[in-house]
Amino acid sequence: MPQEYIQIFKGSSIQVMAVVNALETLEIVPVVKDPSASARLAGFGILNNQQSIWVHKDEEQKAIEVFKSLDL
């Protein structure tokens, strides 16, 4: 991931969807990385179903406040 983005959350797909929805209400567009989907497309298996959410550094503080308010 480029230096302009930082990871703010890592969790299950359901948790990630909740955080993404909350971020999008504030017009923050997060990047979701899903290693299991990438591995599946490449023909490999993976046991980890964790996804991560990345946001631009300019939106970091706002995104962290949203994440904290969700109580995950």
PDB file of N, CA and C in Angstrom:
ATOM      1  N   MET A   1       0.858  -1.180   0.000  1.00  0.00           N
ATOM      2  CA  MET A   1       0.000   0.000   0.000  1.00  0.00           C
ATOM      3  C   MET A   1       0.901   1.238   0.000  1.00  0.00           C
ATOM      4  N   PRO A   2       0.552   2.246  -0.778  1.00  0.00           N
ATOM      5  CA  PRO A   2       1.364   3.460  -0.851  1.00  0.00           C
ATOM      6  C   PRO A   2       1.503   4.143   0.514  1.00  0.00           C
ATOM      7  N   GLN A   3       2.528   4.953   0.644  1.00  0.00           N
ATOM      8  CA  GLN A   3       2.817   5.653   1.894  1.00  0.00           C
ATOM      9  C   GLN A   3       1.720   6.613   2.324  1.00  0.00           C
ATOM     10  N   GLU A   4       0.846   7.032   1.408  1.00  0.00           N
ATOM     11  CA  GLU A   4      -0.202   7.995   1.741  1.00  0.00           C
ATOM     12  C   GLU A   4      -1.353   7.361   2.511  1.00  0.00           C
ATOM     13  N   TYR A   5      -1.378   6.046   2.627  1.00  0.00           N
ATOM     14  CA  TYR A   5      -2.477   5.339   3.285  1.00  0.00           C
ATOM     15  C   TYR A   5      -1.983   4.633   4.535  1.00  0.00           C
ATOM     16  N   ILE A   6      -2.853   4.575   5.553  1.00  0.00           N
ATOM     17  CA  ILE A   6      -2.517   3.864   6.779  1.00  0.00           C
ATOM     18  C   ILE A   6      -3.661   2.926   7.146  1.00  0.00           C
ATOM     19  N   GLN A   7      -3.295   1.839   7.784  1.00  0.00           N
ATOM     20  CA  GLN A   7      -4.299   0.854   8.194  1.00  0.00           C
ATOM     21  C   GLN A   7      -4.927   1.309   9.510  1.00  0.00           C
ATOM     22  N   ILE A   8      -6.271   1.330   9.544  1.00  0.00           N
ATOM     23  CA  ILE A   8      -6.944   1.724  10.777  1.00  0.00           C
ATOM     24  C   ILE A   8      -7.693   0.576  11.436  1.00  0.00           C
ATOM     25  N   PHE A   9      -7.920  -0.509  10.697  1.00  0.00           N
ATOM     26  CA  PHE A   9      -8.696  -1.606  11.264  1.00  0.00           C
ATOM     27  C   PHE A   9      -8.394  -2.898  10.528  1.00  0.00           C
ATOM     28  N   LYS A  10      -8.476  -4.009  11.292  1.00  0.00           N
ATOM     29  CA  LYS A  10      -8.357  -5.332  10.702  1.00  0.00           C
ATOM     30  C   LYS A  10      -9.340  -6.227  11.435  1.00  0.00           C
ATOM     31  N   GLY A  11     -10.191  -6.930  10.680  1.00  0.00           N
ATOM     32  CA  GLY A  11     -11.172  -7.794  11.312  1.00  0.00           C
ATOM     33  C   GLY A  11     -11.933  -8.627  10.303  1.00  0.00           C
ATOM     34  N   SER A  12     -13.039  -9.198  10.775  1.00  0.00           N
ATOM     35  CA  SER A  12     -13.861 -10.048   9.909  1.00  0.00           C
ATOM     36  C   SER A  12     -14.575  -9.201   8.861  1.00  0.00           C
ATOM     37  N   SER A  13     -15.095  -9.862   7.850  1.00  0.00           N
ATOM     38  CA  SER A  13     -15.771  -9.131   6.771  1.00  0.00           C
ATOM     39  C   SER A  13     -17.003  -8.386   7.278  1.00  0.00           C
ATOM     40  N   ILE A  14     -17.687  -8.933   8.264  1.00  0.00           N
ATOM     41  CA  ILE A  14     -18.877  -8.268   8.814  1.00  0.00           C
ATOM     42  C   ILE A  14     -18.477  -6.998   9.553  1.00  0.00           C
ATOM     43  N   GLN A  15     -17.417  -7.070  10.355  1.00  0.00           N
ATOM     44  CA  GLN A  15     -16.934  -5.889  11.055  1.00  0.00           C
ATOM     45  C   GLN A  15     -16.447  -4.836  10.067  1.00  0.00           C
ATOM     46  N   VAL A  16     -15.752  -5.287   9.039  1.00  0.00           N
ATOM     47  CA  VAL A  16     -15.228  -4.365   8.029  1.00  0.00           C
ATOM     48  C   VAL A  16     -16.376  -3.652   7.326  1.00  0.00           C
ATOM     49  N   MET A  17     -17.444  -4.383   6.998  1.00  0.00           N
ATOM     50  CA  MET A  17     -18.601  -3.739   6.353  1.00  0.00           C
ATOM     51  C   MET A  17     -19.195  -2.656   7.239  1.00  0.00           C
ATOM     52  N   ALA A  18     -19.285  -2.887   8.545  1.00  0.00           N
ATOM     53  CA  ALA A  18     -19.833  -1.889   9.464  1.00  0.00           C
ATOM     54  C   ALA A  18     -18.964  -0.638   9.495  1.00  0.00           C
ATOM     55  N   VAL A  19     -17.656  -0.823   9.557  1.00  0.00           N
ATOM     56  CA  VAL A  19     -16.743   0.320   9.583  1.00  0.00           C
ATOM     57  C   VAL A  19     -16.796   1.080   8.261  1.00  0.00           C
ATOM     58  N   VAL A  20     -16.792   0.359   7.149  1.00  0.00           N
ATOM     59  CA  VAL A  20     -16.847   1.001   5.831  1.00  0.00           C
ATOM     60  C   VAL A  20     -18.124   1.823   5.684  1.00  0.00           C
ATOM     61  N   ASN A  21     -19.257   1.277   6.096  1.00  0.00           N
ATOM     62  CA  ASN A  21     -20.520   2.018   6.013  1.00  0.00           C
ATOM     63  C   ASN A  21     -20.472   3.289   6.847  1.00  0.00           C
ATOM     64  N   ALA A  22     -19.899   3.205   8.051  1.00  0.00           N
ATOM     65  CA  ALA A  22     -19.795   4.384   8.908  1.00  0.00           C
ATOM     66  C   ALA A  22     -18.870   5.429   8.295  1.00  0.00           C
ATOM     67  N   LEU A  23     -17.768   4.986   7.703  1.00  0.00           N
ATOM     68  CA  LEU A  23     -16.836   5.923   7.070  1.00  0.00           C
ATOM     69  C   LEU A  23     -17.470   6.599   5.857  1.00  0.00           C
ATOM     70  N   GLU A  24     -18.207   5.831   5.075  1.00  0.00           N
ATOM     71  CA  GLU A  24     -18.814   6.393   3.868  1.00  0.00           C
ATOM     72  C   GLU A  24     -19.883   7.431   4.188  1.00  0.00           C
ATOM     73  N   THR A  25     -20.515   7.359   5.361  1.00  0.00           N
ATOM     74  CA  THR A  25     -21.495   8.385   5.730  1.00  0.00           C
ATOM     75  C   THR A  25     -20.819   9.738   5.931  1.00  0.00           C
ATOM     76  N   LEU A  26     -19.519   9.718   6.258  1.00  0.00           N
ATOM     77  CA  LEU A  26     -18.757  10.960   6.407  1.00  0.00           C
ATOM     78  C   LEU A  26     -17.953  11.287   5.159  1.00  0.00           C
ATOM     79  N   GLU A  27     -18.269  10.616   4.066  1.00  0.00           N
ATOM     80  CA  GLU A  27     -17.619  10.821   2.781  1.00  0.00           C
ATOM     81  C   GLU A  27     -16.127  10.485   2.817  1.00  0.00           C
ATOM     82  N   ILE A  28     -15.761   9.514   3.645  1.00  0.00           N
ATOM     83  CA  ILE A  28     -14.406   8.972   3.650  1.00  0.00           C
ATOM     84  C   ILE A  28     -14.455   7.694   2.826  1.00  0.00           C
ATOM     85  N   VAL A  29     -13.603   7.611   1.812  1.00  0.00           N
ATOM     86  CA  VAL A  29     -13.592   6.445   0.941  1.00  0.00           C
ATOM     87  C   VAL A  29     -12.422   5.547   1.353  1.00  0.00           C
ATOM     88  N   PRO A  30     -12.702   4.453   2.076  1.00  0.00           N
ATOM     89  CA  PRO A  30     -11.626   3.568   2.516  1.00  0.00           C
ATOM     90  C   PRO A  30     -11.231   2.564   1.433  1.00  0.00           C
ATOM     91  N   VAL A  31     -10.041   2.006   1.595  1.00  0.00           N
ATOM     92  CA  VAL A  31      -9.570   0.922   0.745  1.00  0.00           C
ATOM     93  C   VAL A  31      -9.619  -0.342   1.589  1.00  0.00           C
ATOM     94  N   VAL A  32     -10.288  -1.387   1.088  1.00  0.00           N
ATOM     95  CA  VAL A  32     -10.397  -2.649   1.811  1.00  0.00           C
ATOM     96  C   VAL A  32      -9.492  -3.666   1.123  1.00  0.00           C
ATOM     97  N   LYS A  33      -8.579  -4.233   1.917  1.00  0.00           N
ATOM     98  CA  LYS A  33      -7.697  -5.278   1.393  1.00  0.00           C
ATOM     99  C   LYS A  33      -8.186  -6.615   1.920  1.00  0.00           C
ATOM    100  N   ASP A  34      -8.348  -7.565   1.005  1.00  0.00           N
ATOM    101  CA  ASP A  34      -8.840  -8.895   1.356  1.00  0.00           C
ATOM    102  C   ASP A  34      -7.877  -9.940   0.801  1.00  0.00           C
ATOM    103  N   PRO A  35      -6.905 -10.377   1.615  1.00  0.00           N
ATOM    104  CA  PRO A  35      -5.918 -11.343   1.127  1.00  0.00           C
ATOM    105  C   PRO A  35      -6.524 -12.673   0.685  1.00  0.00           C
ATOM    106  N   SER A  36      -7.618 -13.087   1.304  1.00  0.00           N
ATOM    107  CA  SER A  36      -8.217 -14.367   0.920  1.00  0.00           C
ATOM    108  C   SER A  36      -8.808 -14.298  -0.486  1.00  0.00           C
ATOM    109  N   ALA A  37      -9.386 -13.169  -0.853  1.00  0.00           N
ATOM    110  CA  ALA A  37      -9.927 -13.024  -2.206  1.00  0.00           C
ATOM    111  C   ALA A  37      -8.797 -13.013  -3.235  1.00  0.00           C
ATOM    112  N   SER A  38      -7.713 -12.329  -2.897  1.00  0.00           N
ATOM    113  CA  SER A  38      -6.571 -12.303  -3.812  1.00  0.00           C
ATOM    114  C   SER A  38      -5.983 -13.698  -3.987  1.00  0.00           C
ATOM    115  N   ALA A  39      -5.866 -14.438  -2.891  1.00  0.00           N
ATOM    116  CA  ALA A  39      -5.318 -15.794  -2.960  1.00  0.00           C
ATOM    117  C   ALA A  39      -6.230 -16.709  -3.763  1.00  0.00           C
ATOM    118  N   ARG A  40      -7.527 -16.577  -3.556  1.00  0.00           N
ATOM    119  CA  ARG A  40      -8.490 -17.405  -4.285  1.00  0.00           C
ATOM    120  C   ARG A  40      -8.411 -17.129  -5.783  1.00  0.00           C
ATOM    121  N   LEU A  41      -8.300 -15.867  -6.166  1.00  0.00           N
ATOM    122  CA  LEU A  41      -8.206 -15.518  -7.582  1.00  0.00           C
ATOM    123  C   LEU A  41      -6.914 -16.041  -8.209  1.00  0.00           C
ATOM    124  N   ALA A  42      -5.871 -16.149  -7.385  1.00  0.00           N
ATOM    125  CA  ALA A  42      -4.596 -16.649  -7.888  1.00  0.00           C
ATOM    126  C   ALA A  42      -4.530 -18.175  -7.881  1.00  0.00           C
ATOM    127  N   GLY A  43      -5.546 -18.817  -7.319  1.00  0.00           N
ATOM    128  CA  GLY A  43      -5.578 -20.266  -7.306  1.00  0.00           C
ATOM    129  C   GLY A  43      -4.993 -20.897  -6.061  1.00  0.00           C
ATOM    130  N   PHE A  44      -4.793 -20.095  -5.022  1.00  0.00           N
ATOM    131  CA  PHE A  44      -4.242 -20.593  -3.764  1.00  0.00           C
ATOM    132  C   PHE A  44      -5.329 -20.593  -2.701  1.00  0.00           C
ATOM    133  N   GLY A  45      -5.106 -21.354  -1.670  1.00  0.00           N
ATOM    134  CA  GLY A  45      -6.009 -21.342  -0.531  1.00  0.00           C
ATOM    135  C   GLY A  45      -5.406 -20.539   0.601  1.00  0.00           C
ATOM    136  N   ILE A  46      -6.246 -19.997   1.449  1.00  0.00           N
ATOM    137  CA  ILE A  46      -5.765 -19.244   2.603  1.00  0.00           C
ATOM    138  C   ILE A  46      -6.758 -19.461   3.737  1.00  0.00           C
ATOM    139  N   LEU A  47      -6.259 -19.628   4.940  1.00  0.00           N
ATOM    140  CA  LEU A  47      -7.126 -19.880   6.085  1.00  0.00           C
ATOM    141  C   LEU A  47      -7.556 -18.599   6.790  1.00  0.00           C
ATOM    142  N   ASN A  48      -6.850 -17.534   6.566  1.00  0.00           N
ATOM    143  CA  ASN A  48      -7.143 -16.269   7.232  1.00  0.00           C
ATOM    144  C   ASN A  48      -8.260 -15.539   6.497  1.00  0.00           C
ATOM    145  N   ASN A  49      -9.325 -15.175   7.205  1.00  0.00           N
ATOM    146  CA  ASN A  49     -10.415 -14.439   6.563  1.00  0.00           C
ATOM    147  C   ASN A  49     -10.469 -12.996   7.049  1.00  0.00           C
ATOM    148  N   GLN A  50      -9.359 -12.483   7.525  1.00  0.00           N
ATOM    149  CA  GLN A  50      -9.286 -11.112   8.014  1.00  0.00           C
ATOM    150  C   GLN A  50      -9.135 -10.135   6.838  1.00  0.00           C
ATOM    151  N   GLN A  51      -9.853  -9.038   6.926  1.00  0.00           N
ATOM    152  CA  GLN A  51      -9.726  -7.961   5.954  1.00  0.00           C
ATOM    153  C   GLN A  51      -9.181  -6.747   6.687  1.00  0.00           C
ATOM    154  N   SER A  52      -8.563  -5.835   5.959  1.00  0.00           N
ATOM    155  CA  SER A  52      -8.052  -4.619   6.584  1.00  0.00           C
ATOM    156  C   SER A  52      -8.592  -3.395   5.851  1.00  0.00           C
ATOM    157  N   ILE A  53      -8.748  -2.321   6.632  1.00  0.00           N
ATOM    158  CA  ILE A  53      -9.244  -1.054   6.090  1.00  0.00           C
ATOM    159  C   ILE A  53      -8.113  -0.037   6.149  1.00  0.00           C
ATOM    160  N   TRP A  54      -7.902   0.621   5.028  1.00  0.00           N
ATOM    161  CA  TRP A  54      -6.872   1.643   4.894  1.00  0.00           C
ATOM    162  C   TRP A  54      -7.545   2.954   4.499  1.00  0.00           C
ATOM    163  N   VAL A  55      -7.064   4.061   5.060  1.00  0.00           N
ATOM    164  CA  VAL A  55      -7.571   5.381   4.688  1.00  0.00           C
ATOM    165  C   VAL A  55      -6.388   6.295   4.393  1.00  0.00           C
ATOM    166  N   HIS A  56      -6.682   7.354   3.674  1.00  0.00           N
ATOM    167  CA  HIS A  56      -5.658   8.340   3.345  1.00  0.00           C
ATOM    168  C   HIS A  56      -5.246   9.060   4.626  1.00  0.00           C
ATOM    169  N   LYS A  57      -3.972   9.430   4.718  1.00  0.00           N
ATOM    170  CA  LYS A  57      -3.454  10.088   5.921  1.00  0.00           C
ATOM    171  C   LYS A  57      -4.232  11.348   6.276  1.00  0.00           C
ATOM    172  N   ASP A  58      -4.721  12.061   5.278  1.00  0.00           N
ATOM    173  CA  ASP A  58      -5.475  13.289   5.529  1.00  0.00           C
ATOM    174  C   ASP A  58      -6.776  13.024   6.273  1.00  0.00           C
ATOM    175  N   GLU A  59      -7.298  11.824   6.163  1.00  0.00           N
ATOM    176  CA  GLU A  59      -8.582  11.477   6.783  1.00  0.00           C
ATOM    177  C   GLU A  59      -8.422  10.583   8.016  1.00  0.00           C
ATOM    178  N   GLU A  60      -7.192  10.387   8.455  1.00  0.00           N
ATOM    179  CA  GLU A  60      -6.904   9.443   9.536  1.00  0.00           C
ATOM    180  C   GLU A  60      -7.643   9.774  10.832  1.00  0.00           C
ATOM    181  N   GLN A  61      -7.537  10.982  11.320  1.00  0.00           N
ATOM    182  CA  GLN A  61      -8.147  11.329  12.607  1.00  0.00           C
ATOM    183  C   GLN A  61      -9.662  11.173  12.580  1.00  0.00           C
ATOM    184  N   LYS A  62     -10.276  11.631  11.518  1.00  0.00           N
ATOM    185  CA  LYS A  62     -11.726  11.498  11.379  1.00  0.00           C
ATOM    186  C   LYS A  62     -12.135  10.027  11.338  1.00  0.00           C
ATOM    187  N   ALA A  63     -11.361   9.225  10.620  1.00  0.00           N
ATOM    188  CA  ALA A  63     -11.667   7.801  10.489  1.00  0.00           C
ATOM    189  C   ALA A  63     -11.502   7.074  11.817  1.00  0.00           C
ATOM    190  N   ILE A  64     -10.487   7.410  12.580  1.00  0.00           N
ATOM    191  CA  ILE A  64     -10.272   6.766  13.873  1.00  0.00           C
ATOM    192  C   ILE A  64     -11.393   7.113  14.839  1.00  0.00           C
ATOM    193  N   GLU A  65     -11.868   8.353  14.809  1.00  0.00           N
ATOM    194  CA  GLU A  65     -12.995   8.742  15.660  1.00  0.00           C
ATOM    195  C   GLU A  65     -14.246   7.949  15.307  1.00  0.00           C
ATOM    196  N   VAL A  66     -14.491   7.761  14.031  1.00  0.00           N
ATOM    197  CA  VAL A  66     -15.645   6.969  13.591  1.00  0.00           C
ATOM    198  C   VAL A  66     -15.498   5.530  14.074  1.00  0.00           C
ATOM    199  N   PHE A  67     -14.302   4.978  13.906  1.00  0.00           N
ATOM    200  CA  PHE A  67     -14.065   3.600  14.324  1.00  0.00           C
ATOM    201  C   PHE A  67     -14.286   3.431  15.836  1.00  0.00           C
ATOM    202  N   LYS A  68     -13.789   4.363  16.640  1.00  0.00           N
ATOM    203  CA  LYS A  68     -13.962   4.284  18.086  1.00  0.00           C
ATOM    204  C   LYS A  68     -15.434   4.373  18.492  1.00  0.00           C
ATOM    205  N   SER A  69     -16.211   5.135  17.761  1.00  0.00           N
ATOM    206  CA  SER A  69     -17.630   5.296  18.104  1.00  0.00           C
ATOM    207  C   SER A  69     -18.441   4.045  17.818  1.00  0.00           C
ATOM    208  N   LEU A  70     -17.920   3.137  17.001  1.00  0.00           N
ATOM    209  CA  LEU A  70     -18.655   1.915  16.650  1.00  0.00           C
ATOM    210  C   LEU A  70     -18.602   0.859  17.747  1.00  0.00           C
ATOM    211  N   ASP A  71     -17.623   0.941  18.641  1.00  0.00           N
ATOM    212  CA  ASP A  71     -17.504  -0.006  19.760  1.00  0.00           C
ATOM    213  C   ASP A  71     -17.357  -1.446  19.278  1.00  0.00           C
ATOM    214  N   LEU A  72     -16.416  -1.686  18.380  1.00  0.00           N
ATOM    215  CA  LEU A  72     -16.161  -3.047  17.873  1.00  0.00           C
ATOM    216  C   LEU A  72     -15.081  -3.733  18.656  1.00  0.00           C
TER     217      LEU A  72
END
